[in-house]
């Protein structure tokens, strides 16, 4: 079994990414996101509170930032374990031992679904395991892939939107330097503000490139119905389905605007728990 920080001690099953020990990548992402949002609101917000258009732009930016933070939290806090593993925590499984499911995990000591894999970082079996993400300190699988995809998608959108606003502001500043100064006497001075603006632009570019790449990679896996590990190992042949059907397997059925909202994934009103017997009989 996995060990705790390499000390040779058994590591308890991690249920979500907010359990200690935190990953250094996770802590770093919290710091970077906090600095990015703090600097943006501190520098950009005071400059646009005096116009209706400026307030509308800030409201749209805030909606994007809020969506990214909510989906980031849901990705981190959602238990991605196979339903059989979660059920075992509540009580002993009704059927145990090899043959209890499509596959049997000797580490979790429970029968699991066909596409479930064991994550040694979290020491648990994850349903349709895609990867372990150090940035959220959690596994990405069937239970939280929707949240993860929307997390990186909204973050990419937020970064792109911030870059557009910052570039427009910098262009206006070069044409009229006095526009850069805030109306507050205690506001940042122009040279320092200009430096912060360029740092924000650079950070937005890095965030945008990284999350856009992650979003495209995840979308490709969903549309082909094959995770990165399954492509590498070539041990799963996905059924032939349309793109909408494959998207529905991650975001839920039927297709609706709920795909873009922080709602639980359901399949015509049924949850993963409801379809568990069917999944194990496939």
Protein backbone atom coordinates (compact mmCIF):
# COMPACT_ATOMS: atom_id res chain seq x y z
CA UNK A 1 0.00 0.00 0.00
CA UNK A 2 1.01 3.63 -0.36
CA UNK A 3 3.12 5.18 2.35
CA UNK A 4 2.74 8.50 4.13
CA UNK A 5 5.37 10.98 2.89
CA UNK A 6 7.82 8.16 2.32
CA UNK A 7 8.05 7.41 6.05
CA UNK A 8 7.02 3.80 5.60
CA UNK A 9 3.73 4.36 7.45
CA UNK A 10 0.45 3.23 5.86
CA UNK A 11 -1.38 6.16 4.26
CA UNK A 12 -5.10 6.47 4.91
CA UNK A 13 -7.33 6.62 1.86
CA UNK A 14 -7.59 10.20 0.65
CA UNK A 15 -11.23 11.12 0.08
CA UNK A 16 -10.63 14.58 -1.41
CA UNK A 17 -7.93 17.15 -2.08
CA UNK A 18 -8.56 19.29 1.00
CA UNK A 19 -7.21 16.58 3.27
CA UNK A 20 -3.64 16.87 4.48
CA UNK A 21 -0.92 16.61 3.43
CA UNK A 22 -1.41 19.33 0.82
CA UNK A 23 0.55 19.14 -2.42
CA UNK A 24 3.11 21.88 -3.07
CA UNK A 25 1.57 22.42 -6.54
CA UNK A 26 -1.83 22.88 -4.91
CA UNK A 27 -0.55 25.46 -2.42
CA UNK A 28 1.34 27.24 -5.18
CA UNK A 29 -1.79 27.46 -7.33
CA UNK A 30 -3.74 28.94 -4.40
CA UNK A 31 -1.08 31.61 -3.95
CA UNK A 32 -0.88 32.44 -7.66
CA UNK A 33 -4.65 32.64 -8.09
CA UNK A 34 -4.99 34.75 -4.94
CA UNK A 35 -2.27 37.17 -6.11
CA UNK A 36 -3.75 37.35 -9.60
CA UNK A 37 -7.28 38.15 -8.41
CA UNK A 38 -6.04 40.48 -5.68
CA UNK A 39 -3.83 42.52 -8.01
CA UNK A 40 -6.46 42.65 -10.74
CA UNK A 41 -9.18 43.91 -8.43
CA UNK A 42 -6.77 46.24 -6.67
CA UNK A 43 -5.44 47.82 -9.87
CA UNK A 44 -8.21 47.48 -12.42
CA UNK A 45 -11.35 47.78 -10.31
CA UNK A 46 -10.84 51.35 -9.01
CA UNK A 47 -10.32 52.63 -12.55
CA UNK A 48 -13.72 51.56 -13.87
CA UNK A 49 -16.24 52.08 -11.09
CA UNK A 50 -17.35 55.42 -12.47
CA UNK A 51 -18.95 54.12 -15.70
CA UNK A 52 -21.77 51.67 -16.36
CA UNK A 53 -19.71 49.89 -19.03
CA UNK A 54 -16.81 49.49 -16.61
CA UNK A 55 -19.05 48.04 -13.93
CA UNK A 56 -20.54 45.61 -16.49
CA UNK A 57 -17.06 44.46 -17.54
CA UNK A 58 -16.05 43.92 -13.91
CA UNK A 59 -19.31 42.05 -13.20
CA UNK A 60 -18.64 39.71 -16.15
CA UNK A 61 -15.07 39.17 -14.98
CA UNK A 62 -16.30 38.45 -11.45
CA UNK A 63 -18.81 35.91 -12.78
CA UNK A 64 -16.02 34.11 -14.65
CA UNK A 65 -13.73 34.21 -11.60
CA UNK A 66 -16.51 32.95 -9.33
CA UNK A 67 -17.31 30.07 -11.70
CA UNK A 68 -13.65 29.06 -11.88
CA UNK A 69 -13.30 29.12 -8.08
CA UNK A 70 -16.53 27.15 -7.52
CA UNK A 71 -15.59 24.43 -9.99
CA UNK A 72 -12.06 24.36 -8.61
CA UNK A 73 -13.46 23.73 -5.15
CA UNK A 74 -15.85 21.04 -6.43
CA UNK A 75 -13.01 19.29 -8.28
CA UNK A 76 -10.87 19.35 -5.15
CA UNK A 77 -13.57 18.37 -2.66
CA UNK A 78 -15.40 15.67 -4.67
CA UNK A 79 -14.50 12.07 -3.85
CA UNK A 80 -13.57 10.46 -7.17
CA UNK A 81 -13.51 6.92 -5.77
CA UNK A 82 -15.35 4.03 -7.37
CA UNK A 83 -18.87 3.78 -5.86
CA UNK A 84 -18.03 0.32 -4.52
CA UNK A 85 -15.08 1.80 -2.58
CA UNK A 86 -17.30 4.54 -1.16
CA UNK A 87 -19.92 1.95 -0.19
CA UNK A 88 -17.29 -0.12 1.60
CA UNK A 89 -16.45 2.83 3.86
CA UNK A 90 -20.06 2.87 5.07
CA UNK A 91 -20.25 -0.85 5.64
CA UNK A 92 -18.98 -4.22 4.35
CA UNK A 93 -19.82 -4.90 0.69
CA UNK A 94 -22.75 -7.22 0.05
CA UNK A 95 -20.54 -9.24 -2.31
CA UNK A 96 -16.77 -9.41 -1.78
CA UNK A 97 -13.76 -11.25 -3.10
CA UNK A 98 -12.62 -11.79 -6.68
CA UNK A 99 -15.59 -11.86 -9.02
CA UNK A 100 -17.55 -9.30 -7.01
CA UNK A 101 -17.27 -6.83 -9.91
CA UNK A 102 -15.82 -6.69 -13.40
CA UNK A 103 -12.37 -6.23 -11.79
CA UNK A 104 -11.12 -6.88 -8.30
CA UNK A 105 -8.69 -4.59 -6.49
CA UNK A 106 -6.56 -6.43 -3.94
CA UNK A 107 -5.48 -3.13 -2.38
CA UNK A 108 -9.00 -1.81 -1.79
CA UNK A 109 -10.28 -5.40 -1.35
CA UNK A 110 -13.46 -4.77 -3.31
CA UNK A 111 -14.90 -5.53 -6.73
CA UNK A 112 -14.85 -2.47 -8.98
CA UNK A 113 -16.18 -1.41 -12.36
CA UNK A 114 -14.47 -2.20 -15.67
CA UNK A 115 -12.66 1.12 -16.22
CA UNK A 116 -11.73 1.72 -12.60
CA UNK A 117 -8.03 2.05 -11.73
CA UNK A 118 -6.18 2.31 -8.45
CA UNK A 119 -4.45 5.62 -7.67
CA UNK A 120 -1.44 5.06 -5.43
CA UNK A 121 -1.25 8.75 -4.53
CA UNK A 122 -4.73 8.65 -2.97
CA UNK A 123 -4.63 4.90 -2.21
CA UNK A 124 -8.07 4.21 -3.64
CA UNK A 125 -9.75 2.97 -6.79
CA UNK A 126 -11.11 5.77 -9.00
CA UNK A 127 -14.00 5.28 -11.39
CA UNK A 128 -12.88 5.92 -15.00
CA UNK A 129 -9.53 7.16 -13.70
CA UNK A 130 -8.12 9.90 -15.93
CA UNK A 131 -5.19 11.20 -13.90
CA UNK A 132 -4.12 12.45 -10.48
CA UNK A 133 -3.90 16.24 -10.62
CA UNK A 134 -1.38 17.74 -8.17
CA UNK A 135 -2.85 21.22 -8.73
CA UNK A 136 -6.09 20.20 -7.00
CA UNK A 137 -4.48 17.41 -4.94
CA UNK A 138 -7.16 15.00 -6.12
CA UNK A 139 -7.85 12.37 -8.74
CA UNK A 140 -9.92 13.20 -11.80
CA UNK A 141 -12.45 10.55 -12.73
CA UNK A 142 -16.09 9.96 -13.53
CA UNK A 143 -17.33 11.61 -10.33
CA UNK A 144 -15.59 14.95 -10.86
CA UNK A 145 -14.39 15.16 -14.47
CA UNK A 146 -17.23 17.55 -15.33
CA UNK A 147 -16.09 19.87 -12.53
CA UNK A 148 -12.45 19.63 -13.62
CA UNK A 149 -13.20 20.35 -17.29
CA UNK A 150 -15.28 23.39 -16.38
CA UNK A 151 -12.66 24.50 -13.84
CA UNK A 152 -9.89 24.65 -16.45
CA UNK A 153 -12.32 25.95 -19.08
CA UNK A 154 -13.55 28.86 -16.97
CA UNK A 155 -9.99 29.59 -15.85
CA UNK A 156 -8.87 29.76 -19.48
CA UNK A 157 -11.83 32.03 -20.26
CA UNK A 158 -11.00 34.19 -17.26
CA UNK A 159 -7.36 34.47 -18.29
CA UNK A 160 -8.24 35.39 -21.87
CA UNK A 161 -10.76 37.96 -20.72
CA UNK A 162 -8.23 39.47 -18.30
CA UNK A 163 -5.62 39.68 -21.07
CA UNK A 164 -8.03 41.56 -23.33
CA UNK A 165 -8.92 44.04 -20.58
CA UNK A 166 -5.28 44.56 -19.59
CA UNK A 167 -4.09 45.04 -23.18
CA UNK A 168 -6.85 47.59 -23.82
CA UNK A 169 -5.94 49.39 -20.61
CA UNK A 170 -2.23 49.45 -21.44
CA UNK A 171 -2.94 50.77 -24.93
CA UNK A 172 -5.10 53.53 -23.46
CA UNK A 173 -2.33 54.31 -20.98
CA UNK A 174 0.29 54.70 -23.69
CA UNK A 175 -1.99 57.13 -25.51
CA UNK A 176 -2.95 59.04 -22.37
CA UNK A 177 -0.72 58.31 -19.35
CA UNK A 178 -2.96 60.17 -16.92
CA UNK A 179 -5.70 57.58 -17.50
CA UNK A 180 -3.58 55.10 -15.60
CA UNK A 181 -3.69 56.98 -12.33
CA UNK A 182 -6.53 56.16 -9.98
CA UNK A 183 -8.88 58.77 -8.64
CA UNK A 184 -7.83 57.89 -5.10
CA UNK A 185 -5.04 59.82 -3.45
CA UNK A 186 -3.64 56.60 -1.99
CA UNK A 187 -3.74 54.74 -5.32
CA UNK A 188 -0.63 53.20 -6.91
CA UNK A 189 1.74 55.46 -8.76
CA UNK A 190 2.06 55.12 -12.52
CA UNK A 191 5.48 53.35 -12.84
CA UNK A 192 4.63 50.79 -10.16
CA UNK A 193 1.13 50.28 -11.58
CA UNK A 194 2.56 49.76 -15.05
CA UNK A 195 4.89 47.08 -13.71
CA UNK A 196 2.02 45.33 -11.91
CA UNK A 197 -0.08 45.46 -15.07
CA UNK A 198 2.67 43.75 -17.09
CA UNK A 199 3.08 41.13 -14.36
CA UNK A 200 -0.67 40.50 -14.43
CA UNK A 201 -0.59 40.20 -18.20
CA UNK A 202 2.27 37.68 -18.02
CA UNK A 203 0.50 35.62 -15.35
CA UNK A 204 -2.76 35.69 -17.32
CA UNK A 205 -0.86 34.45 -20.38
CA UNK A 206 0.69 31.55 -18.44
CA UNK A 207 -2.63 30.60 -16.84
CA UNK A 208 -4.39 30.87 -20.18
CA UNK A 209 -1.92 28.69 -22.09
CA UNK A 210 -1.76 26.00 -19.40
CA UNK A 211 -5.50 25.73 -18.77
CA UNK A 212 -6.34 25.93 -22.48
CA UNK A 213 -4.04 22.98 -23.14
CA UNK A 214 -5.61 21.04 -20.27
CA UNK A 215 -9.11 21.89 -21.49
CA UNK A 216 -8.34 20.70 -25.03
CA UNK A 217 -6.74 17.49 -23.73
CA UNK A 218 -9.73 16.74 -21.50
CA UNK A 219 -12.22 17.53 -24.26
CA UNK A 220 -10.34 15.20 -26.60
CA UNK A 221 -10.51 12.38 -24.02
CA UNK A 222 -14.23 12.92 -23.53
CA UNK A 223 -15.05 13.05 -27.24
CA UNK A 224 -13.06 9.86 -27.93
CA UNK A 225 -14.34 8.24 -24.69
CA UNK A 226 -10.82 7.16 -23.83
CA UNK A 227 -8.62 8.44 -21.03
CA UNK A 228 -4.93 9.19 -21.48
CA UNK A 229 -3.94 6.01 -19.61
CA UNK A 230 -6.32 3.93 -21.74
CA UNK A 231 -4.78 5.36 -24.91
CA UNK A 232 -1.26 4.58 -23.68
CA UNK A 233 -2.10 1.04 -22.55
CA UNK A 234 -4.54 0.43 -25.39
CA UNK A 235 -6.66 -1.73 -23.08
CA UNK A 236 -10.10 -0.21 -23.72
CA UNK A 237 -12.02 -0.06 -26.98
CA UNK A 238 -14.69 2.65 -26.70
CA UNK A 239 -18.09 1.98 -28.27
CA UNK A 240 -19.02 3.94 -31.36
CA UNK A 241 -21.11 6.88 -30.23
CA UNK A 242 -21.76 10.43 -31.34
CA UNK A 243 -19.89 13.37 -29.83
CA UNK A 244 -23.02 14.47 -27.93
CA UNK A 245 -23.44 10.98 -26.47
CA UNK A 246 -19.83 10.94 -25.29
CA UNK A 247 -20.22 14.40 -23.75
CA UNK A 248 -23.36 13.15 -21.99
CA UNK A 249 -21.34 10.40 -20.33
CA UNK A 250 -19.33 13.10 -18.52
CA UNK A 251 -21.79 15.97 -18.14
CA UNK A 252 -24.99 13.95 -17.70
CA UNK A 253 -28.15 13.25 -19.64
CA UNK A 254 -30.09 14.86 -21.20
CA UNK A 255 -28.11 17.69 -22.82
CA UNK A 256 -29.00 20.97 -21.11
CA UNK A 257 -27.60 24.24 -19.77
CA UNK A 258 -26.96 22.37 -16.51
CA UNK A 259 -23.79 21.12 -18.19
CA UNK A 260 -22.26 24.55 -17.57
CA UNK A 261 -23.48 24.94 -13.98
CA UNK A 262 -22.13 23.49 -10.71
CA UNK A 263 -24.80 20.79 -10.50
CA UNK A 264 -24.42 17.06 -9.78
CA UNK A 265 -24.02 14.80 -12.79
CA UNK A 266 -27.24 12.83 -13.36
CA UNK A 267 -28.38 10.47 -16.09
CA UNK A 268 -32.06 11.12 -16.77
CA UNK A 269 -32.48 11.83 -13.07
CA UNK A 270 -30.33 8.92 -11.87
CA UNK A 271 -27.01 9.31 -10.09
CA UNK A 272 -23.93 7.07 -10.18
CA UNK A 273 -25.29 5.29 -7.11
CA UNK A 274 -28.53 4.48 -8.93
CA UNK A 275 -26.81 2.99 -11.97
CA UNK A 276 -24.11 1.18 -9.97
CA UNK A 277 -25.63 -2.33 -10.44
CA UNK A 278 -25.88 -1.75 -14.20
CA UNK A 279 -22.28 -0.55 -14.42
CA UNK A 280 -21.01 -3.69 -12.72
CA UNK A 281 -23.07 -5.96 -14.94
CA UNK A 282 -21.76 -4.50 -18.22
